[in-house]
Amino acid sequence: MIMIIVLLANFLISLINFVEYLLFTYIILGWFIFFGAVKNKDGVFFRIYFFLFAKIEPVLSVVHKFVPPIGGFDFSIIIIGFLLHMLKILIIDLASFAMARW
């Protein structure tokens, strides 16, 4: 039973880490495109960025309903990153609690 809890916790944390990397890639590619470092609209950077945009923007729009951009700054990605980090901490705490109880 303990092994299942540890495996499940590791899987969930790995999944959350992957989503955090996707968010970070989305942010960095967005900066490259915004500041004109990437000009080829048919290139790999644009394809990756618009793929990530299609996957991440629906989640960001949910956060925008509660926290709209303030003064031109969009805090939704920061909020989602914070929530993902807190979820990782919760998973680690629950798994360690379950292991301690076992």
C-alpha atoms as a PDB file:
ATOM      1  CA  MET A   1       0.000   0.000   0.000  1.00  0.00           C
ATOM      2  CA  ILE A   2       2.826   2.376   0.869  1.00  0.00           C
ATOM      3  CA  MET A   3       4.476   1.736  -2.481  1.00  0.00           C
ATOM      4  CA  ILE A   4       1.274   2.683  -4.317  1.00  0.00           C
ATOM      5  CA  ILE A   5       1.028   5.945  -2.383  1.00  0.00           C
ATOM      6  CA  VAL A   6       4.658   6.802  -3.126  1.00  0.00           C
ATOM      7  CA  LEU A   7       4.285   5.941  -6.814  1.00  0.00           C
ATOM      8  CA  LEU A   8       1.095   7.967  -7.115  1.00  0.00           C
ATOM      9  CA  ALA A   9       2.650  10.945  -5.333  1.00  0.00           C
ATOM     10  CA  ASN A  10       5.742  10.788  -7.562  1.00  0.00           C
ATOM     11  CA  PHE A  11       3.587  10.573 -10.677  1.00  0.00           C
ATOM     12  CA  LEU A  12       1.460  13.564  -9.658  1.00  0.00           C
ATOM     13  CA  ILE A  13       4.502  15.645  -8.760  1.00  0.00           C
ATOM     14  CA  SER A  14       6.154  14.761 -12.076  1.00  0.00           C
ATOM     15  CA  LEU A  15       2.985  15.760 -13.908  1.00  0.00           C
ATOM     16  CA  ILE A  16       2.820  19.083 -12.069  1.00  0.00           C
ATOM     17  CA  ASN A  17       6.516  19.696 -12.808  1.00  0.00           C
ATOM     18  CA  PHE A  18       5.829  19.070 -16.499  1.00  0.00           C
ATOM     19  CA  VAL A  19       2.971  21.586 -16.486  1.00  0.00           C
ATOM     20  CA  GLU A  20       5.203  24.127 -14.734  1.00  0.00           C
ATOM     21  CA  TYR A  21       7.862  23.652 -17.426  1.00  0.00           C
ATOM     22  CA  LEU A  22       5.213  24.199 -20.092  1.00  0.00           C
ATOM     23  CA  LEU A  23       4.136  27.440 -18.379  1.00  0.00           C
ATOM     24  CA  PHE A  24       7.741  28.602 -18.162  1.00  0.00           C
ATOM     25  CA  THR A  25       8.312  27.791 -21.854  1.00  0.00           C
ATOM     26  CA  TYR A  26       5.124  29.664 -22.753  1.00  0.00           C
ATOM     27  CA  ILE A  27       6.325  32.740 -20.866  1.00  0.00           C
ATOM     28  CA  ILE A  28       9.830  32.722 -22.373  1.00  0.00           C
ATOM     29  CA  LEU A  29       8.625  32.157 -25.936  1.00  0.00           C
ATOM     30  CA  GLY A  30       6.051  34.918 -25.452  1.00  0.00           C
ATOM     31  CA  TRP A  31       8.828  37.319 -24.470  1.00  0.00           C
ATOM     32  CA  PHE A  32      10.918  36.326 -27.491  1.00  0.00           C
ATOM     33  CA  ILE A  33       7.979  36.959 -29.798  1.00  0.00           C
ATOM     34  CA  PHE A  34       6.920  40.187 -28.051  1.00  0.00           C
ATOM     35  CA  PHE A  35      10.391  41.733 -28.168  1.00  0.00           C
ATOM     36  CA  GLY A  36      10.964  40.693 -31.787  1.00  0.00           C
ATOM     37  CA  ALA A  37      13.751  38.197 -31.195  1.00  0.00           C
ATOM     38  CA  VAL A  38      11.782  35.672 -33.269  1.00  0.00           C
ATOM     39  CA  LYS A  39      10.622  37.057 -36.592  1.00  0.00           C
ATOM     40  CA  ASN A  40       9.934  33.945 -38.683  1.00  0.00           C
ATOM     41  CA  LYS A  41       6.201  33.359 -38.255  1.00  0.00           C
ATOM     42  CA  ASP A  42       6.459  29.902 -39.831  1.00  0.00           C
ATOM     43  CA  GLY A  43       9.285  28.743 -37.579  1.00  0.00           C
ATOM     44  CA  VAL A  44       9.403  26.237 -34.792  1.00  0.00           C
ATOM     45  CA  PHE A  45       9.178  28.867 -32.037  1.00  0.00           C
ATOM     46  CA  PHE A  46       5.854  30.159 -33.317  1.00  0.00           C
ATOM     47  CA  ARG A  47       4.458  26.663 -33.693  1.00  0.00           C
ATOM     48  CA  ILE A  48       5.454  25.720 -30.163  1.00  0.00           C
ATOM     49  CA  TYR A  49       4.176  29.019 -28.790  1.00  0.00           C
ATOM     50  CA  PHE A  50       0.771  28.747 -30.465  1.00  0.00           C
ATOM     51  CA  PHE A  51       0.443  25.111 -29.431  1.00  0.00           C
ATOM     52  CA  LEU A  52       1.113  26.134 -25.822  1.00  0.00           C
ATOM     53  CA  PHE A  53      -1.180  29.142 -26.251  1.00  0.00           C
ATOM     54  CA  ALA A  54      -4.030  26.848 -27.318  1.00  0.00           C
ATOM     55  CA  LYS A  55      -3.498  24.619 -24.270  1.00  0.00           C
ATOM     56  CA  ILE A  56      -2.730  27.228 -21.591  1.00  0.00           C
ATOM     57  CA  GLU A  57      -4.975  30.144 -22.513  1.00  0.00           C
ATOM     58  CA  PRO A  58      -8.271  28.401 -21.547  1.00  0.00           C
ATOM     59  CA  VAL A  59      -6.888  27.894 -18.040  1.00  0.00           C
ATOM     60  CA  LEU A  60      -5.700  31.492 -17.908  1.00  0.00           C
ATOM     61  CA  SER A  61      -9.115  32.749 -18.988  1.00  0.00           C
ATOM     62  CA  VAL A  62     -10.664  31.074 -15.924  1.00  0.00           C
ATOM     63  CA  VAL A  63      -8.247  32.960 -13.685  1.00  0.00           C
ATOM     64  CA  HIS A  64      -8.941  36.192 -15.621  1.00  0.00           C
ATOM     65  CA  LYS A  65     -12.574  35.987 -14.474  1.00  0.00           C
ATOM     66  CA  PHE A  66     -11.412  36.368 -10.869  1.00  0.00           C
ATOM     67  CA  VAL A  67      -8.247  38.452 -11.313  1.00  0.00           C
ATOM     68  CA  PRO A  68      -8.255  40.658 -14.416  1.00  0.00           C
ATOM     69  CA  PRO A  69      -4.997  42.170 -15.671  1.00  0.00           C
ATOM     70  CA  ILE A  70      -4.022  45.061 -13.412  1.00  0.00           C
ATOM     71  CA  GLY A  71      -2.227  48.038 -14.939  1.00  0.00           C
ATOM     72  CA  GLY A  72      -1.274  46.053 -18.021  1.00  0.00           C
ATOM     73  CA  PHE A  73       0.248  43.229 -15.990  1.00  0.00           C
ATOM     74  CA  ASP A  74      -1.221  39.748 -16.212  1.00  0.00           C
ATOM     75  CA  PHE A  75      -0.864  37.918 -12.909  1.00  0.00           C
ATOM     76  CA  SER A  76      -2.803  34.818 -13.973  1.00  0.00           C
ATOM     77  CA  ILE A  77       0.302  32.777 -14.843  1.00  0.00           C
ATOM     78  CA  ILE A  78       1.869  33.693 -11.503  1.00  0.00           C
ATOM     79  CA  ILE A  79      -1.323  32.631  -9.704  1.00  0.00           C
ATOM     80  CA  ILE A  80      -1.459  29.324 -11.574  1.00  0.00           C
ATOM     81  CA  GLY A  81       2.232  28.679 -10.873  1.00  0.00           C
ATOM     82  CA  PHE A  82       1.662  29.429  -7.194  1.00  0.00           C
ATOM     83  CA  LEU A  83      -1.356  27.098  -7.055  1.00  0.00           C
ATOM     84  CA  LEU A  84       0.585  24.312  -8.771  1.00  0.00           C
ATOM     85  CA  HIS A  85       3.431  24.730  -6.302  1.00  0.00           C
ATOM     86  CA  MET A  86       1.021  24.624  -3.367  1.00  0.00           C
ATOM     87  CA  LEU A  87      -0.558  21.478  -4.836  1.00  0.00           C
ATOM     88  CA  LYS A  88       2.877  19.834  -4.953  1.00  0.00           C
ATOM     89  CA  ILE A  89       3.452  20.709  -1.313  1.00  0.00           C
ATOM     90  CA  LEU A  90       0.039  19.280  -0.402  1.00  0.00           C
ATOM     91  CA  ILE A  91       0.753  16.029  -2.252  1.00  0.00           C
ATOM     92  CA  ILE A  92       4.134  15.669  -0.539  1.00  0.00           C
ATOM     93  CA  ASP A  93       2.598  16.346   2.873  1.00  0.00           C
ATOM     94  CA  LEU A  94      -0.243  13.890   2.318  1.00  0.00           C
ATOM     95  CA  ALA A  95       2.120  11.196   1.085  1.00  0.00           C
ATOM     96  CA  SER A  96       4.507  11.687   4.000  1.00  0.00           C
ATOM     97  CA  PHE A  97       1.565  11.670   6.426  1.00  0.00           C
ATOM     98  CA  ALA A  98       0.269   8.425   4.937  1.00  0.00           C
ATOM     99  CA  MET A  99       3.742   6.884   5.138  1.00  0.00           C
ATOM    100  CA  ALA A 100       4.145   7.959   8.760  1.00  0.00           C
ATOM    101  CA  ARG A 101       0.769   6.488   9.688  1.00  0.00           C
ATOM    102  CA  TRP A 102       1.522   3.176   8.004  1.00  0.00           C
END
